[in-house]
Amino acid sequence: MNNFPAGACGQACLLLGEHLWSRGQGLWRLASGMRPGEGPIVTHSWLVRDGLVVDITADQFDDVDTPVVVTLDDAWYQPWDRLGSRWARLDGTSGQDTPSLRQAYDHIDAVLTGGRAG
């Protein structure tokens, strides 16, 4: 997460997906894609549930002018070549949910809920 949001969208989605799950907002999919075109490979991740897109790192792209995307209009995501999707949970199944990411989540959750951060 050193260059957040660049390079951290998958981890950010996992953190947000876990938060939404723990707050009773259901299970979200972490969708990933590769932007078509010439030049360097650009990948991105966002959350999807029942057609609703939630993207907290899209503002790293020049053609997005809002800091957080919450929309039913997925037109911006349609051109991306899909790399797959998986459940956005810190339950050991995503491949990105490392112990350090779980520690970060637990710390953030403690701060947000007024608990003691370790």
N, C-alpha and C. Protein backbone atom coordinates (compact mmCIF):
# COMPACT_ATOMS: atom_id res chain seq x y z
N MET A 1 0.81 -1.20 0.00
CA MET A 1 0.00 0.00 0.00
C MET A 1 0.86 1.27 0.00
N ASN A 2 2.13 1.13 -0.28
CA ASN A 2 3.04 2.27 -0.24
C ASN A 2 2.69 3.36 -1.24
N ASN A 3 2.10 3.00 -2.39
CA ASN A 3 1.76 3.97 -3.43
C ASN A 3 0.26 4.15 -3.56
N PHE A 4 -0.47 3.95 -2.47
CA PHE A 4 -1.93 4.01 -2.50
C PHE A 4 -2.41 5.27 -3.22
N PRO A 5 -3.40 5.18 -4.11
CA PRO A 5 -4.16 3.99 -4.41
C PRO A 5 -3.54 3.11 -5.49
N ALA A 6 -2.52 3.60 -6.18
CA ALA A 6 -1.91 2.79 -7.24
C ALA A 6 -1.32 1.51 -6.65
N GLY A 7 -1.67 0.40 -7.25
CA GLY A 7 -1.13 -0.88 -6.82
C GLY A 7 -1.77 -1.45 -5.56
N ALA A 8 -2.77 -0.77 -5.02
CA ALA A 8 -3.37 -1.23 -3.77
C ALA A 8 -4.87 -1.49 -3.90
N CYS A 9 -5.38 -1.46 -5.11
CA CYS A 9 -6.84 -1.57 -5.26
C CYS A 9 -7.37 -2.93 -4.79
N GLY A 10 -6.65 -4.00 -5.05
CA GLY A 10 -7.10 -5.32 -4.60
C GLY A 10 -7.15 -5.41 -3.09
N GLN A 11 -6.11 -4.94 -2.44
CA GLN A 11 -6.08 -4.97 -0.98
C GLN A 11 -7.15 -4.05 -0.39
N ALA A 12 -7.33 -2.88 -0.99
CA ALA A 12 -8.36 -1.95 -0.52
C ALA A 12 -9.75 -2.57 -0.65
N CYS A 13 -9.98 -3.29 -1.75
CA CYS A 13 -11.27 -3.98 -1.93
C CYS A 13 -11.47 -5.05 -0.88
N LEU A 14 -10.43 -5.79 -0.58
CA LEU A 14 -10.55 -6.82 0.46
C LEU A 14 -10.88 -6.21 1.81
N LEU A 15 -10.21 -5.11 2.15
CA LEU A 15 -10.49 -4.44 3.42
C LEU A 15 -11.93 -3.93 3.46
N LEU A 16 -12.37 -3.29 2.38
CA LEU A 16 -13.74 -2.78 2.34
C LEU A 16 -14.75 -3.92 2.31
N GLY A 17 -14.47 -4.96 1.53
CA GLY A 17 -15.38 -6.10 1.48
C GLY A 17 -15.55 -6.75 2.84
N GLU A 18 -14.47 -6.90 3.57
CA GLU A 18 -14.53 -7.46 4.92
C GLU A 18 -15.34 -6.55 5.84
N HIS A 19 -15.11 -5.25 5.72
CA HIS A 19 -15.85 -4.29 6.55
C HIS A 19 -17.35 -4.36 6.26
N LEU A 20 -17.72 -4.38 4.98
CA LEU A 20 -19.13 -4.45 4.62
C LEU A 20 -19.76 -5.75 5.12
N TRP A 21 -19.03 -6.86 4.97
CA TRP A 21 -19.52 -8.15 5.45
C TRP A 21 -19.73 -8.12 6.97
N SER A 22 -18.76 -7.60 7.68
CA SER A 22 -18.84 -7.60 9.15
C SER A 22 -19.94 -6.67 9.66
N ARG A 23 -20.38 -5.74 8.83
CA ARG A 23 -21.43 -4.80 9.22
C ARG A 23 -22.79 -5.21 8.65
N GLY A 24 -22.90 -6.46 8.20
CA GLY A 24 -24.18 -6.98 7.74
C GLY A 24 -24.62 -6.51 6.38
N GLN A 25 -23.67 -6.06 5.55
CA GLN A 25 -23.99 -5.55 4.22
C GLN A 25 -23.79 -6.58 3.12
N GLY A 26 -23.71 -7.83 3.48
CA GLY A 26 -23.64 -8.91 2.51
C GLY A 26 -22.24 -9.20 2.02
N LEU A 27 -22.20 -10.21 1.17
CA LEU A 27 -20.95 -10.68 0.60
C LEU A 27 -20.76 -10.04 -0.77
N TRP A 28 -19.61 -9.42 -0.97
CA TRP A 28 -19.30 -8.70 -2.20
C TRP A 28 -18.27 -9.47 -3.01
N ARG A 29 -18.29 -9.26 -4.32
CA ARG A 29 -17.30 -9.84 -5.22
C ARG A 29 -16.22 -8.80 -5.49
N LEU A 30 -14.98 -9.24 -5.48
CA LEU A 30 -13.86 -8.41 -5.88
C LEU A 30 -13.64 -8.73 -7.36
N ALA A 31 -13.95 -7.79 -8.24
CA ALA A 31 -13.77 -7.96 -9.67
C ALA A 31 -12.45 -7.32 -10.07
N SER A 32 -11.76 -7.94 -11.01
CA SER A 32 -10.48 -7.41 -11.48
C SER A 32 -10.47 -7.38 -13.00
N GLY A 33 -9.77 -6.41 -13.53
CA GLY A 33 -9.66 -6.30 -14.97
C GLY A 33 -8.37 -5.67 -15.40
N MET A 34 -8.10 -5.82 -16.69
CA MET A 34 -6.92 -5.23 -17.31
C MET A 34 -7.42 -4.26 -18.38
N ARG A 35 -6.90 -3.04 -18.35
CA ARG A 35 -7.35 -2.02 -19.29
C ARG A 35 -6.76 -2.29 -20.66
N PRO A 36 -7.62 -2.39 -21.66
CA PRO A 36 -7.11 -2.64 -23.00
C PRO A 36 -6.42 -1.40 -23.57
N GLY A 37 -5.52 -1.62 -24.47
CA GLY A 37 -4.84 -0.51 -25.12
C GLY A 37 -3.35 -0.74 -25.18
N GLU A 38 -2.70 0.19 -25.82
CA GLU A 38 -1.25 0.10 -25.96
C GLU A 38 -0.58 0.73 -24.75
N GLY A 39 0.64 0.38 -24.55
CA GLY A 39 1.38 0.93 -23.42
C GLY A 39 1.50 -0.07 -22.31
N PRO A 40 1.87 0.41 -21.14
CA PRO A 40 2.05 -0.51 -20.01
C PRO A 40 0.73 -1.16 -19.60
N ILE A 41 0.84 -2.35 -19.06
CA ILE A 41 -0.33 -3.07 -18.58
C ILE A 41 -0.89 -2.35 -17.35
N VAL A 42 -2.18 -2.11 -17.37
CA VAL A 42 -2.86 -1.45 -16.25
C VAL A 42 -3.95 -2.39 -15.75
N THR A 43 -3.89 -2.72 -14.48
CA THR A 43 -4.92 -3.56 -13.88
C THR A 43 -5.64 -2.76 -12.79
N HIS A 44 -6.83 -3.24 -12.45
CA HIS A 44 -7.63 -2.55 -11.45
C HIS A 44 -8.60 -3.54 -10.81
N SER A 45 -9.05 -3.24 -9.61
CA SER A 45 -10.03 -4.05 -8.89
C SER A 45 -11.09 -3.16 -8.28
N TRP A 46 -12.31 -3.70 -8.17
CA TRP A 46 -13.42 -2.98 -7.60
C TRP A 46 -14.40 -4.00 -7.02
N LEU A 47 -15.36 -3.54 -6.23
CA LEU A 47 -16.35 -4.42 -5.64
C LEU A 47 -17.66 -4.38 -6.42
N VAL A 48 -18.35 -5.53 -6.46
CA VAL A 48 -19.64 -5.63 -7.15
C VAL A 48 -20.58 -6.50 -6.32
N ARG A 49 -21.82 -6.06 -6.24
CA ARG A 49 -22.87 -6.87 -5.59
C ARG A 49 -24.22 -6.48 -6.16
N ASP A 50 -24.93 -7.44 -6.71
CA ASP A 50 -26.26 -7.21 -7.27
C ASP A 50 -26.29 -6.04 -8.25
N GLY A 51 -25.26 -5.93 -9.08
CA GLY A 51 -25.19 -4.86 -10.08
C GLY A 51 -24.64 -3.54 -9.58
N LEU A 52 -24.45 -3.41 -8.27
CA LEU A 52 -23.91 -2.19 -7.70
C LEU A 52 -22.38 -2.26 -7.69
N VAL A 53 -21.74 -1.23 -8.21
CA VAL A 53 -20.28 -1.13 -8.23
C VAL A 53 -19.85 -0.16 -7.15
N VAL A 54 -18.87 -0.57 -6.34
CA VAL A 54 -18.26 0.30 -5.33
C VAL A 54 -16.76 0.27 -5.59
N ASP A 55 -16.20 1.43 -5.83
CA ASP A 55 -14.78 1.52 -6.19
C ASP A 55 -14.16 2.70 -5.44
N ILE A 56 -13.29 2.39 -4.48
CA ILE A 56 -12.70 3.45 -3.66
C ILE A 56 -11.32 3.87 -4.14
N THR A 57 -10.85 3.31 -5.26
CA THR A 57 -9.53 3.69 -5.77
C THR A 57 -9.55 4.10 -7.25
N ALA A 58 -10.73 4.27 -7.84
CA ALA A 58 -10.82 4.62 -9.26
C ALA A 58 -10.27 6.01 -9.55
N ASP A 59 -10.22 6.86 -8.54
CA ASP A 59 -9.75 8.23 -8.78
C ASP A 59 -8.27 8.31 -9.11
N GLN A 60 -7.58 7.19 -9.11
CA GLN A 60 -6.19 7.20 -9.56
C GLN A 60 -6.09 7.32 -11.09
N PHE A 61 -7.22 7.15 -11.77
CA PHE A 61 -7.25 7.24 -13.22
C PHE A 61 -7.71 8.62 -13.65
N ASP A 62 -7.06 9.16 -14.68
CA ASP A 62 -7.35 10.52 -15.14
C ASP A 62 -8.79 10.72 -15.61
N ASP A 63 -9.44 9.65 -16.08
CA ASP A 63 -10.80 9.79 -16.60
C ASP A 63 -11.88 9.56 -15.54
N VAL A 64 -11.50 9.54 -14.27
CA VAL A 64 -12.46 9.44 -13.16
C VAL A 64 -12.29 10.68 -12.30
N ASP A 65 -13.38 11.41 -12.11
CA ASP A 65 -13.26 12.67 -11.38
C ASP A 65 -13.97 12.68 -10.04
N THR A 66 -14.30 11.52 -9.53
CA THR A 66 -14.93 11.43 -8.21
C THR A 66 -14.06 10.55 -7.30
N PRO A 67 -13.90 10.91 -6.04
CA PRO A 67 -13.00 10.15 -5.17
C PRO A 67 -13.50 8.74 -4.87
N VAL A 68 -14.81 8.53 -4.83
CA VAL A 68 -15.39 7.22 -4.56
C VAL A 68 -16.52 6.99 -5.56
N VAL A 69 -16.50 5.83 -6.20
CA VAL A 69 -17.54 5.48 -7.16
C VAL A 69 -18.50 4.49 -6.50
N VAL A 70 -19.77 4.86 -6.47
CA VAL A 70 -20.85 3.97 -6.05
C VAL A 70 -21.94 4.15 -7.11
N THR A 71 -22.15 3.11 -7.93
CA THR A 71 -23.03 3.28 -9.07
C THR A 71 -23.63 1.96 -9.55
N LEU A 72 -24.77 2.08 -10.19
CA LEU A 72 -25.36 0.95 -10.91
C LEU A 72 -24.97 0.99 -12.38
N ASP A 73 -24.33 2.06 -12.80
CA ASP A 73 -23.89 2.23 -14.19
C ASP A 73 -22.44 1.75 -14.31
N ASP A 74 -22.26 0.57 -14.87
CA ASP A 74 -20.92 0.01 -14.96
C ASP A 74 -20.24 0.27 -16.31
N ALA A 75 -20.68 1.31 -17.02
CA ALA A 75 -20.14 1.61 -18.36
C ALA A 75 -18.62 1.81 -18.33
N TRP A 76 -18.09 2.44 -17.30
CA TRP A 76 -16.64 2.67 -17.23
C TRP A 76 -15.88 1.36 -17.11
N TYR A 77 -16.49 0.35 -16.53
CA TYR A 77 -15.83 -0.94 -16.28
C TYR A 77 -16.00 -1.92 -17.44
N GLN A 78 -16.96 -1.68 -18.33
CA GLN A 78 -17.23 -2.60 -19.43
C GLN A 78 -16.03 -2.85 -20.35
N PRO A 79 -15.24 -1.84 -20.72
CA PRO A 79 -14.12 -2.09 -21.63
C PRO A 79 -12.97 -2.89 -21.01
N TRP A 80 -12.92 -3.00 -19.69
CA TRP A 80 -11.83 -3.72 -19.04
C TRP A 80 -11.92 -5.21 -19.36
N ASP A 81 -10.80 -5.80 -19.73
CA ASP A 81 -10.73 -7.24 -19.93
C ASP A 81 -10.73 -7.90 -18.57
N ARG A 82 -11.76 -8.68 -18.27
CA ARG A 82 -11.92 -9.25 -16.94
C ARG A 82 -10.86 -10.31 -16.66
N LEU A 83 -10.28 -10.19 -15.50
CA LEU A 83 -9.28 -11.15 -15.04
C LEU A 83 -9.88 -12.14 -14.06
N GLY A 84 -11.13 -11.92 -13.69
CA GLY A 84 -11.80 -12.82 -12.77
C GLY A 84 -12.40 -12.07 -11.61
N SER A 85 -13.02 -12.85 -10.74
CA SER A 85 -13.58 -12.27 -9.52
C SER A 85 -13.57 -13.34 -8.43
N ARG A 86 -13.63 -12.88 -7.21
CA ARG A 86 -13.66 -13.78 -6.07
C ARG A 86 -14.35 -13.04 -4.92
N TRP A 87 -14.67 -13.77 -3.89
CA TRP A 87 -15.31 -13.14 -2.74
C TRP A 87 -14.32 -12.18 -2.07
N ALA A 88 -14.81 -11.02 -1.69
CA ALA A 88 -13.98 -10.00 -1.04
C ALA A 88 -14.06 -10.19 0.47
N ARG A 89 -13.33 -11.20 0.95
CA ARG A 89 -13.30 -11.50 2.38
C ARG A 89 -11.88 -11.80 2.81
N LEU A 90 -11.58 -11.52 4.05
CA LEU A 90 -10.29 -11.85 4.63
C LEU A 90 -10.41 -13.18 5.36
N ASP A 91 -10.75 -14.22 4.62
CA ASP A 91 -10.99 -15.53 5.23
C ASP A 91 -9.98 -16.59 4.77
N GLY A 92 -8.90 -16.15 4.14
CA GLY A 92 -7.87 -17.08 3.70
C GLY A 92 -8.05 -17.63 2.31
N THR A 93 -9.07 -17.18 1.57
CA THR A 93 -9.34 -17.76 0.26
C THR A 93 -8.99 -16.86 -0.92
N SER A 94 -8.68 -15.61 -0.68
CA SER A 94 -8.52 -14.69 -1.81
C SER A 94 -7.14 -14.71 -2.43
N GLY A 95 -6.14 -15.19 -1.72
CA GLY A 95 -4.79 -15.16 -2.25
C GLY A 95 -4.05 -13.89 -1.91
N GLN A 96 -4.77 -12.83 -1.58
CA GLN A 96 -4.15 -11.56 -1.20
C GLN A 96 -4.35 -11.24 0.27
N ASP A 97 -5.13 -12.06 0.96
CA ASP A 97 -5.47 -11.74 2.34
C ASP A 97 -4.41 -12.29 3.30
N THR A 98 -3.31 -11.61 3.31
CA THR A 98 -2.15 -11.99 4.12
C THR A 98 -2.40 -11.68 5.60
N PRO A 99 -1.62 -12.29 6.48
CA PRO A 99 -1.76 -11.95 7.91
C PRO A 99 -1.58 -10.46 8.17
N SER A 100 -0.70 -9.79 7.43
CA SER A 100 -0.50 -8.36 7.66
C SER A 100 -1.73 -7.56 7.23
N LEU A 101 -2.44 -8.02 6.21
CA LEU A 101 -3.66 -7.34 5.79
C LEU A 101 -4.75 -7.55 6.85
N ARG A 102 -4.82 -8.73 7.43
CA ARG A 102 -5.77 -8.99 8.51
C ARG A 102 -5.45 -8.12 9.72
N GLN A 103 -4.15 -7.96 10.03
CA GLN A 103 -3.75 -7.09 11.14
C GLN A 103 -4.15 -5.65 10.86
N ALA A 104 -3.95 -5.20 9.62
CA ALA A 104 -4.34 -3.84 9.25
C ALA A 104 -5.85 -3.66 9.41
N TYR A 105 -6.61 -4.64 8.95
CA TYR A 105 -8.07 -4.56 9.09
C TYR A 105 -8.48 -4.49 10.56
N ASP A 106 -7.92 -5.37 11.36
CA ASP A 106 -8.27 -5.38 12.79
C ASP A 106 -7.94 -4.05 13.45
N HIS A 107 -6.82 -3.45 13.07
CA HIS A 107 -6.42 -2.15 13.62
C HIS A 107 -7.41 -1.06 13.18
N ILE A 108 -7.72 -1.02 11.90
CA ILE A 108 -8.65 -0.02 11.37
C ILE A 108 -10.01 -0.19 12.03
N ASP A 109 -10.48 -1.43 12.13
CA ASP A 109 -11.78 -1.71 12.72
C ASP A 109 -11.83 -1.25 14.18
N ALA A 110 -10.76 -1.51 14.91
CA ALA A 110 -10.72 -1.09 16.32
C ALA A 110 -10.79 0.43 16.43
N VAL A 111 -10.08 1.13 15.56
CA VAL A 111 -10.11 2.60 15.61
C VAL A 111 -11.50 3.12 15.24
N LEU A 112 -12.12 2.54 14.20
CA LEU A 112 -13.42 3.01 13.75
C LEU A 112 -14.53 2.73 14.76
N THR A 113 -14.38 1.65 15.49
CA THR A 113 -15.43 1.27 16.44
C THR A 113 -15.15 1.75 17.86
N GLY A 114 -14.09 2.52 18.03
CA GLY A 114 -13.79 3.07 19.33
C GLY A 114 -13.05 2.12 20.25
N GLY A 115 -12.64 0.99 19.72
CA GLY A 115 -11.88 0.03 20.52
C GLY A 115 -10.42 0.44 20.59
N ARG A 116 -9.66 -0.33 21.25
CA ARG A 116 -8.22 -0.06 21.35
C ARG A 116 -7.50 -0.67 20.19
N ALA A 117 -6.73 0.13 19.50
CA ALA A 117 -5.89 -0.38 18.42
C ALA A 117 -4.61 -0.91 19.00
N GLY A 118 -4.20 -2.08 18.51
CA GLY A 118 -2.99 -2.69 19.06
C GLY A 118 -1.73 -2.22 18.42
